[in-house]
Amino acid sequence: MNQTIGVALMGSLLLVGLVSLVKVMPLHTAIALPLLPQTQSAQPKFRMVAQNTTVSPKLINANTRFGFKLFSAIAKQDDGKNVFISPSSVAIALAMAYNGANGETQQAMARAMELQGMSLQELNEANATLKTMLANPDPEIQLAIANSLWTRQGISFKSEFLQRNRQFYQAKVSELDFGNPRSVATINTWVSQNTRGKIDAIIDSIDSSDVMFLVNAIYFKGNWSRKFDPQNTALQPFYLPNKQTKQHPMMTQGGEYRYYETSQFQAVSLPYGTKRRMSLYVFLPQSSSSLANFQRNLTAENWEQWMTQFRQRQGSIQVPRFKLEYDVQLKSALSQLGMAEAFSSRANFSGLSQVPTKIDEVKHKTFVEVNETGTEAAAVTSIGIRTTSARPIEEPFRMRVDRPFFCAIRDDQTGTVLFMGTISNPKI
């Protein structure tokens, strides 16, 4: 199964529904082996710092590095196409599976996910704290993160593995009869409910060798801090990668924005909500450059440096209204990052089950939509943001996003990049 992402920049309301799924199956060489009985042991106890309000810089840095590496691998295989992913969702789903990995498989996953130097306990506690920090970020923003594990009836799983996922990831753990066709509907119903109906399904069928599905769902709904006036939206030319031009609805707005410009690109931050905590960052390569050139410089190190360079500037922006569907299977990209071991017959997930297992595939679905029904918050948004020191008078900038561009949704408080993508051919 593939990933579907819908993106629609239409005005003031951003809706995001996203699902990542990790499917676990027995190693082919072990399918005929009898199942070993699960030994009973005392219920494990796990230390969890639920009251911690400081997000681990190690986790944020790891997720940022992993996210940009993953995006680069996907963009290369889908060169010239619209790409939009949530590295956060993928990282959470893989972290749940990581709790069952041992040996070289664990080391390979740690390298791919940039987790070197973090203990399993540290990773789990950091993810739990991050989930808490991202909850209820703003009255005008809904951000819900949900996790679930669906296990095959009759297969015994390690209690420590299940307990960690319940404790640190608040994962719903359910045992299903995978031979019953209704199990597909059960999992997909959970997906639909946790994406507010924006994603209806993550699986089409369950194979006889599937033993577990690990699912992460993210739902985001946010209003612009200052909405676009639909009366100002008009058809304008958009220049496609193939040198062709099409007429496309462009939203227009003027005012003061956090803005950054170099010889290579223009960039603007469009905040959501009354607190302006989360923002859509739009990076537009200069007309003398290209999206491909920009992507070659799109690294975690550069991203962190760019984030420190945004300053308040007066200007005007034109942003395309768009709606995008995109899907991808992440096995190839993750293998390129060094995780091939987890997909192979050499996989070691002995911390998950006594049945030798491997990851079969990683699926990812996302839906993003922005429309013009959001709440107006212009009277509140810019207060307290301006610097008190005098600034040199600067010419207002003009930023017309009329050619392929990169964008990302970031939580500016924790530094978490929730979504990122390149839009080469916007659709409505």
Protein backbone atom coordinates (compact mmCIF):
# COMPACT_ATOMS: atom_id res chain seq x y z
CA MET A 1 0.00 0.00 0.00
CA ASN A 2 1.09 3.52 -0.64
CA GLN A 3 0.97 6.87 1.04
CA THR A 4 -1.56 9.52 0.16
CA ILE A 5 -0.99 13.12 0.96
CA GLY A 6 -3.50 15.81 0.19
CA VAL A 7 -2.28 19.38 0.40
CA ALA A 8 -4.46 22.36 -0.30
CA LEU A 9 -3.30 25.89 0.38
CA MET A 10 -6.59 27.71 0.04
CA GLY A 11 -6.65 30.29 2.76
CA SER A 12 -6.74 30.33 6.50
CA LEU A 13 -7.47 26.79 7.62
CA LEU A 14 -4.94 24.00 7.44
CA LEU A 15 -6.14 20.44 7.89
CA VAL A 16 -3.65 17.62 8.11
CA GLY A 17 -4.39 13.96 8.55
CA LEU A 18 -1.47 11.62 8.47
CA VAL A 19 -0.81 7.94 9.06
CA SER A 20 2.41 5.92 9.19
CA LEU A 21 2.27 2.14 9.41
CA VAL A 22 4.95 -0.46 10.08
CA LYS A 23 3.99 -4.01 9.13
CA VAL A 24 5.78 -6.88 10.88
CA MET A 25 5.84 -10.44 9.58
CA PRO A 26 7.73 -13.63 10.46
CA LEU A 27 10.95 -14.40 8.66
CA HIS A 28 10.22 -16.70 5.73
CA THR A 29 12.57 -19.31 7.15
CA ALA A 30 10.64 -19.38 10.39
CA ILE A 31 7.04 -19.61 9.16
CA ALA A 32 6.93 -23.38 9.54
CA LEU A 33 8.51 -23.38 12.99
CA PRO A 34 6.29 -24.10 15.99
CA LEU A 35 5.57 -21.09 18.15
CA LEU A 36 7.49 -21.08 21.41
CA PRO A 37 5.40 -20.45 24.51
CA GLN A 38 5.73 -17.01 26.06
CA THR A 39 7.45 -17.30 29.42
CA GLN A 40 5.62 -15.50 32.18
CA SER A 41 7.48 -12.94 34.22
CA ALA A 42 6.67 -10.21 36.64
CA GLN A 43 5.11 -7.15 35.04
CA PRO A 44 8.02 -4.86 34.17
CA LYS A 45 8.18 -1.40 35.65
CA PHE A 46 9.23 1.58 33.58
CA ARG A 47 10.32 4.97 34.77
CA MET A 48 8.48 7.76 33.00
CA VAL A 49 8.93 11.48 33.59
CA ALA A 50 5.46 12.65 32.59
CA GLN A 51 5.86 15.97 34.37
CA ASN A 52 8.96 16.94 32.35
CA THR A 53 8.27 20.08 30.32
CA THR A 54 11.64 20.27 28.57
CA VAL A 55 11.96 18.48 25.26
CA SER A 56 15.21 16.59 24.78
CA PRO A 57 17.48 18.46 22.34
CA LYS A 58 18.95 15.07 21.43
CA LEU A 59 15.56 13.86 20.17
CA ILE A 60 14.76 17.06 18.27
CA ASN A 61 18.19 17.05 16.62
CA ALA A 62 17.89 13.34 15.79
CA ASN A 63 14.43 13.77 14.30
CA THR A 64 15.56 16.78 12.26
CA ARG A 65 18.58 14.95 10.83
CA PHE A 66 16.51 11.84 10.13
CA GLY A 67 13.72 13.87 8.56
CA PHE A 68 15.89 15.68 6.05
CA LYS A 69 17.79 12.50 5.15
CA LEU A 70 14.50 10.67 4.59
CA PHE A 71 13.07 13.52 2.56
CA SER A 72 16.17 13.66 0.38
CA ALA A 73 15.98 9.92 -0.34
CA ILE A 74 12.30 10.13 -1.25
CA ALA A 75 12.72 13.27 -3.36
CA LYS A 76 15.45 11.57 -5.40
CA GLN A 77 13.21 8.63 -6.25
CA ASP A 78 10.30 10.97 -7.06
CA ASP A 79 12.37 13.62 -8.81
CA GLY A 80 10.28 16.43 -10.26
CA LYS A 81 7.08 15.32 -8.56
CA ASN A 82 5.13 16.76 -5.68
CA VAL A 83 6.43 15.24 -2.45
CA PHE A 84 4.99 15.78 1.02
CA ILE A 85 5.80 13.70 4.10
CA SER A 86 5.72 13.85 7.88
CA PRO A 87 9.12 12.80 9.22
CA SER A 88 7.67 13.08 12.73
CA SER A 89 5.05 10.43 12.04
CA VAL A 90 7.57 8.07 10.47
CA ALA A 91 9.98 8.58 13.38
CA ILE A 92 7.29 7.77 15.96
CA ALA A 93 6.16 4.62 14.16
CA LEU A 94 9.75 3.43 13.81
CA ALA A 95 10.49 4.27 17.45
CA MET A 96 7.69 1.93 18.51
CA ALA A 97 9.24 -0.86 16.42
CA TYR A 98 12.72 0.06 17.68
CA ASN A 99 11.60 -1.05 21.15
CA GLY A 100 11.63 -4.63 19.86
CA ALA A 101 14.94 -4.50 17.99
CA ASN A 102 18.18 -6.03 19.24
CA GLY A 103 21.73 -6.56 18.02
CA GLU A 104 22.75 -5.32 14.59
CA THR A 105 19.14 -4.54 13.69
CA GLN A 106 18.89 -2.11 16.59
CA GLN A 107 22.24 -0.57 15.64
CA ALA A 108 21.18 -0.20 12.00
CA MET A 109 17.92 1.48 13.00
CA ALA A 110 19.77 3.76 15.41
CA ARG A 111 22.14 4.87 12.65
CA ALA A 112 19.33 5.45 10.17
CA MET A 113 17.21 7.34 12.71
CA GLU A 114 20.21 9.27 14.09
CA LEU A 115 19.68 7.83 17.58
CA GLN A 116 23.31 7.12 18.43
CA GLY A 117 24.07 8.26 21.94
CA MET A 118 20.48 7.86 23.15
CA SER A 119 19.48 4.95 25.34
CA LEU A 120 16.15 3.25 24.73
CA GLN A 121 14.82 4.65 27.99
CA GLU A 122 15.97 8.14 27.02
CA LEU A 123 14.33 7.85 23.60
CA ASN A 124 11.04 6.67 25.03
CA GLU A 125 10.91 9.32 27.73
CA ALA A 126 11.81 12.05 25.22
CA ASN A 127 9.06 10.94 22.83
CA ALA A 128 6.54 10.89 25.68
CA THR A 129 7.53 14.42 26.71
CA LEU A 130 7.39 15.67 23.12
CA LYS A 131 3.90 14.24 22.64
CA THR A 132 2.77 16.08 25.77
CA MET A 133 4.42 19.33 24.66
CA LEU A 134 2.73 19.20 21.25
CA ALA A 135 -0.75 18.68 22.71
CA ASN A 136 -3.11 21.68 22.63
CA PRO A 137 -0.54 24.15 21.27
CA ASP A 138 -3.03 26.97 20.61
CA PRO A 139 -6.79 27.67 20.79
CA GLU A 140 -6.77 27.94 16.99
CA ILE A 141 -4.76 24.75 16.44
CA GLN A 142 -5.73 21.14 16.91
CA LEU A 143 -2.84 18.70 16.95
CA ALA A 144 -3.56 15.11 17.92
CA ILE A 145 -1.03 12.26 17.85
CA ALA A 146 -2.31 8.70 18.29
CA ASN A 147 -0.53 5.34 18.21
CA SER A 148 -1.79 1.78 17.97
CA LEU A 149 -0.47 -1.79 17.78
CA TRP A 150 -2.56 -4.48 16.15
CA THR A 151 -1.38 -8.03 16.82
CA ARG A 152 -2.32 -11.38 15.32
CA GLN A 153 -4.39 -13.57 17.58
CA GLY A 154 -2.43 -16.63 18.71
CA ILE A 155 1.02 -15.03 18.42
CA SER A 156 2.77 -14.28 21.71
CA PHE A 157 4.53 -10.93 22.06
CA LYS A 158 6.98 -9.81 24.72
CA SER A 159 5.19 -8.08 27.59
CA GLU A 160 8.04 -5.58 27.93
CA PHE A 161 7.60 -4.49 24.32
CA LEU A 162 3.85 -4.01 24.64
CA GLN A 163 4.18 -2.26 27.99
CA ARG A 164 6.74 0.24 26.74
CA ASN A 165 4.51 1.18 23.82
CA ARG A 166 1.50 1.57 26.09
CA GLN A 167 3.43 3.57 28.67
CA PHE A 168 5.52 5.92 26.58
CA TYR A 169 3.54 6.14 23.33
CA GLN A 170 0.04 5.75 24.79
CA ALA A 171 -0.45 3.09 22.13
CA LYS A 172 -3.73 1.25 21.87
CA VAL A 173 -2.82 -2.46 21.82
CA SER A 174 -5.41 -4.78 20.28
CA GLU A 175 -5.35 -8.46 19.39
CA LEU A 176 -7.26 -9.32 16.22
CA ASP A 177 -8.15 -12.39 14.22
CA PHE A 178 -6.19 -11.44 11.10
CA GLY A 179 -7.99 -14.20 9.21
CA ASN A 180 -11.26 -12.33 9.64
CA PRO A 181 -11.80 -9.81 6.81
CA ARG A 182 -13.40 -7.44 9.32
CA SER A 183 -9.98 -6.89 10.92
CA VAL A 184 -9.01 -4.69 7.97
CA ALA A 185 -12.06 -2.52 8.61
CA THR A 186 -11.27 -2.39 12.34
CA ILE A 187 -7.79 -0.98 11.76
CA ASN A 188 -8.97 1.41 9.06
CA THR A 189 -11.82 2.65 11.27
CA TRP A 190 -9.27 3.56 13.94
CA VAL A 191 -7.26 5.40 11.29
CA SER A 192 -10.32 7.30 10.08
CA GLN A 193 -11.35 8.26 13.60
CA ASN A 194 -7.89 9.51 14.53
CA THR A 195 -7.53 11.60 11.38
CA ARG A 196 -11.07 13.01 11.73
CA GLY A 197 -12.11 11.18 8.58
CA LYS A 198 -9.38 12.73 6.42
CA ILE A 199 -7.72 9.34 5.81
CA ASP A 200 -10.11 6.44 5.42
CA ALA A 201 -7.68 3.54 5.21
CA ILE A 202 -4.05 2.50 5.61
CA ILE A 203 -4.34 -1.18 4.63
CA ASP A 204 -6.23 -2.98 1.87
CA SER A 205 -5.74 -6.52 3.11
CA ILE A 206 -3.90 -8.63 5.68
CA ASP A 207 -1.49 -11.29 4.46
CA SER A 208 -1.39 -14.69 6.13
CA SER A 209 2.18 -13.97 7.27
CA ASP A 210 1.47 -10.58 8.86
CA VAL A 211 1.77 -10.66 12.64
CA MET A 212 1.64 -7.00 13.69
CA PHE A 213 0.77 -3.52 12.46
CA LEU A 214 2.22 -0.48 14.24
CA VAL A 215 0.30 2.68 13.32
CA ASN A 216 0.89 6.34 14.07
CA ALA A 217 -1.75 8.92 13.16
CA ILE A 218 -1.35 12.69 13.30
CA TYR A 219 -4.18 15.15 12.85
CA PHE A 220 -3.49 18.87 12.54
CA LYS A 221 -5.97 21.66 12.05
CA GLY A 222 -4.84 25.25 12.25
CA ASN A 223 -6.01 28.72 11.32
CA TRP A 224 -3.63 31.28 9.93
CA SER A 225 -2.85 34.02 12.43
CA ARG A 226 -4.04 36.38 9.71
CA LYS A 227 -6.18 34.85 7.03
CA PHE A 228 -6.02 35.49 3.32
CA ASP A 229 -8.91 37.45 1.86
CA PRO A 230 -10.52 35.28 -0.84
CA GLN A 231 -11.42 38.47 -2.71
CA ASN A 232 -7.72 38.91 -3.41
CA THR A 233 -7.26 35.42 -4.84
CA ALA A 234 -6.88 35.45 -8.62
CA LEU A 235 -5.56 33.32 -11.45
CA GLN A 236 -1.89 33.93 -12.09
CA PRO A 237 0.75 32.07 -14.13
CA PHE A 238 2.62 29.25 -12.39
CA TYR A 239 5.81 28.07 -14.07
CA LEU A 240 6.16 24.28 -14.14
CA PRO A 241 9.45 22.31 -14.17
CA ASN A 242 8.94 21.36 -17.82
CA LYS A 243 9.04 25.06 -18.77
CA GLN A 244 5.31 25.09 -19.40
CA THR A 245 3.02 27.61 -17.72
CA LYS A 246 -0.46 27.19 -16.32
CA GLN A 247 -2.98 29.57 -14.79
CA HIS A 248 -3.44 28.87 -11.09
CA PRO A 249 -5.27 30.56 -8.17
CA MET A 250 -2.83 32.67 -6.16
CA MET A 251 -3.63 34.03 -2.70
CA THR A 252 -2.32 37.52 -1.98
CA GLN A 253 -1.56 39.28 1.28
CA GLY A 254 0.57 42.13 2.55
CA GLY A 255 1.90 43.03 5.98
CA GLU A 256 4.76 42.21 8.30
CA TYR A 257 6.27 38.72 8.22
CA ARG A 258 9.27 36.84 9.47
CA TYR A 259 11.34 36.82 6.28
CA TYR A 260 14.75 35.65 5.09
CA GLU A 261 16.44 36.09 1.72
CA THR A 262 19.74 34.93 0.23
CA SER A 263 21.18 34.83 -3.26
CA GLN A 264 19.69 31.33 -3.52
CA PHE A 265 16.15 31.73 -2.16
CA GLN A 266 13.42 33.78 -0.53
CA ALA A 267 11.72 32.40 2.56
CA VAL A 268 8.72 33.48 4.61
CA SER A 269 7.07 32.20 7.78
CA LEU A 270 3.25 32.14 7.86
CA PRO A 271 2.14 31.51 11.45
CA TYR A 272 -0.93 29.72 12.76
CA GLY A 273 -3.08 30.62 15.74
CA THR A 274 -3.12 33.42 18.27
CA LYS A 275 0.18 32.36 19.84
CA ARG A 276 1.97 32.07 16.48
CA ARG A 277 3.71 28.97 17.83
CA MET A 278 3.45 26.90 14.66
CA SER A 279 4.24 28.13 11.18
CA LEU A 280 4.29 27.19 7.54
CA TYR A 281 7.71 27.99 6.11
CA VAL A 282 7.80 28.59 2.35
CA PHE A 283 11.18 28.54 0.59
CA LEU A 284 11.18 29.82 -2.99
CA PRO A 285 14.37 29.35 -5.02
CA GLN A 286 15.47 32.52 -6.80
CA SER A 287 14.58 32.66 -10.48
CA SER A 288 18.29 32.29 -11.27
CA SER A 289 18.38 29.02 -9.32
CA SER A 290 16.12 25.95 -9.18
CA LEU A 291 14.36 23.66 -6.74
CA ALA A 292 16.94 20.96 -7.48
CA ASN A 293 19.78 23.30 -6.48
CA PHE A 294 17.91 24.27 -3.32
CA GLN A 295 17.39 20.64 -2.36
CA ARG A 296 21.10 19.93 -2.64
CA ASN A 297 21.60 22.42 0.20
CA LEU A 298 18.59 21.21 2.19
CA THR A 299 20.33 19.60 5.14
CA ALA A 300 19.55 19.56 8.85
CA GLU A 301 22.59 21.75 9.53
CA ASN A 302 21.55 24.39 7.00
CA TRP A 303 17.94 24.22 8.16
CA GLU A 304 18.90 25.00 11.75
CA GLN A 305 21.08 27.87 10.60
CA TRP A 306 18.32 29.27 8.37
CA MET A 307 15.84 29.21 11.24
CA THR A 308 18.00 31.73 13.12
CA GLN A 309 18.05 34.20 10.22
CA PHE A 310 14.37 35.13 9.90
CA ARG A 311 13.62 38.79 10.74
CA GLN A 312 10.46 40.89 10.76
CA ARG A 313 10.01 42.61 7.39
CA GLN A 314 7.24 44.46 5.63
CA GLY A 315 6.29 42.91 2.34
CA SER A 316 3.73 41.19 0.15
CA ILE A 317 3.31 37.54 -0.70
CA GLN A 318 1.48 35.52 -3.31
CA VAL A 319 1.04 31.84 -2.48
CA PRO A 320 -0.68 29.25 -4.70
CA ARG A 321 -3.86 27.63 -3.52
CA PHE A 322 -3.26 23.94 -3.95
CA LYS A 323 -4.39 20.45 -3.15
CA LEU A 324 -2.05 17.52 -3.40
CA GLU A 325 -2.26 13.76 -3.13
CA TYR A 326 0.97 11.87 -2.81
CA ASP A 327 1.86 8.34 -1.79
CA VAL A 328 5.09 6.49 -1.18
CA GLN A 329 6.33 3.18 0.22
CA LEU A 330 9.22 3.93 2.55
CA LYS A 331 11.06 0.59 2.51
CA SER A 332 13.42 1.64 -0.28
CA ALA A 333 14.22 5.05 1.23
CA LEU A 334 14.78 3.63 4.71
CA SER A 335 17.02 0.92 3.28
CA GLN A 336 19.11 3.62 1.60
CA LEU A 337 19.52 5.25 5.01
CA GLY A 338 21.04 2.03 6.35
CA MET A 339 18.00 0.22 7.71
CA ALA A 340 18.01 -2.67 5.21
CA GLU A 341 18.87 -5.10 8.01
CA ALA A 342 15.42 -4.58 9.58
CA PHE A 343 13.72 -5.69 6.35
CA SER A 344 15.94 -8.73 5.76
CA SER A 345 16.02 -12.35 6.90
CA ARG A 346 18.83 -11.31 9.28
CA ALA A 347 16.50 -9.00 11.22
CA ASN A 348 16.62 -9.32 14.98
CA PHE A 349 13.39 -8.28 16.68
CA SER A 350 13.82 -10.68 19.57
CA GLY A 351 12.60 -7.96 21.91
CA LEU A 352 9.25 -8.04 20.15
CA SER A 353 8.43 -11.74 20.03
CA GLN A 354 10.01 -15.17 20.32
CA VAL A 355 8.83 -15.71 16.74
CA PRO A 356 11.63 -14.51 14.40
CA THR A 357 10.20 -11.45 12.64
CA LYS A 358 11.17 -8.64 10.31
CA ILE A 359 9.62 -5.39 9.12
CA ASP A 360 7.81 -6.10 5.88
CA GLU A 361 6.93 -2.59 4.82
CA VAL A 362 6.46 0.95 6.08
CA LYS A 363 3.41 2.77 4.74
CA HIS A 364 2.64 6.42 5.08
CA LYS A 365 -0.53 8.39 4.27
CA THR A 366 -1.07 12.09 4.64
CA PHE A 367 -3.85 14.53 3.89
CA VAL A 368 -3.32 18.28 4.06
CA GLU A 369 -5.83 20.94 3.17
CA VAL A 370 -5.96 24.68 3.67
CA ASN A 371 -9.19 26.52 2.97
CA GLU A 372 -10.66 29.95 3.59
CA THR A 373 -12.96 29.15 6.52
CA GLY A 374 -10.44 29.90 9.26
CA THR A 375 -10.78 32.30 12.15
CA GLU A 376 -9.55 35.86 11.68
CA ALA A 377 -6.91 36.78 14.27
CA ALA A 378 -5.19 39.78 12.67
CA ALA A 379 -5.73 42.14 15.62
CA VAL A 380 -3.65 40.02 17.96
CA THR A 381 -0.99 38.40 15.86
CA SER A 382 1.80 40.94 15.52
CA ILE A 383 1.77 42.42 19.04
CA GLY A 384 4.88 41.57 21.05
CA ILE A 385 6.80 40.24 18.08
CA ARG A 386 8.52 43.38 16.88
CA THR A 387 11.90 44.27 18.29
CA THR A 388 12.10 47.40 20.41
CA SER A 389 15.41 48.56 18.94
CA ALA A 390 15.46 50.80 15.91
CA ARG A 391 15.91 49.04 12.59
CA PRO A 392 17.24 50.42 9.33
CA ILE A 393 14.58 51.30 6.81
CA GLU A 394 14.26 48.48 4.30
CA GLU A 395 12.37 48.26 1.07
CA PRO A 396 9.29 46.01 1.42
CA PHE A 397 9.97 42.60 -0.05
CA ARG A 398 7.85 40.96 -2.73
CA MET A 399 7.59 37.19 -2.82
CA ARG A 400 5.55 35.60 -5.60
CA VAL A 401 5.51 31.81 -5.22
CA ASP A 402 4.85 31.12 -8.90
CA ARG A 403 7.32 28.28 -9.48
CA PRO A 404 8.32 25.04 -7.69
CA PHE A 405 8.99 25.55 -3.99
CA PHE A 406 9.71 23.82 -0.68
CA CYS A 407 7.53 24.14 2.40
CA ALA A 408 7.51 22.81 5.96
CA ILE A 409 5.22 23.00 8.98
CA ARG A 410 7.28 23.55 12.14
CA ASP A 411 6.52 23.87 15.81
CA ASP A 412 8.69 26.84 16.66
CA GLN A 413 8.61 26.14 20.40
CA THR A 414 10.18 22.68 20.27
CA GLY A 415 11.79 22.92 16.82
CA THR A 416 9.83 19.88 15.62
CA VAL A 417 9.30 19.68 11.85
CA LEU A 418 5.88 18.08 11.50
CA PHE A 419 5.63 18.11 7.70
CA MET A 420 7.81 18.98 4.74
CA GLY A 421 7.39 18.85 1.00
CA THR A 422 8.15 20.18 -2.44
CA ILE A 423 5.36 21.46 -4.66
CA SER A 424 6.31 21.41 -8.32
CA ASN A 425 2.83 21.36 -9.83
CA PRO A 426 0.08 22.60 -7.49
CA LYS A 427 -3.39 21.15 -7.91
CA ILE A 428 -6.77 22.31 -6.67
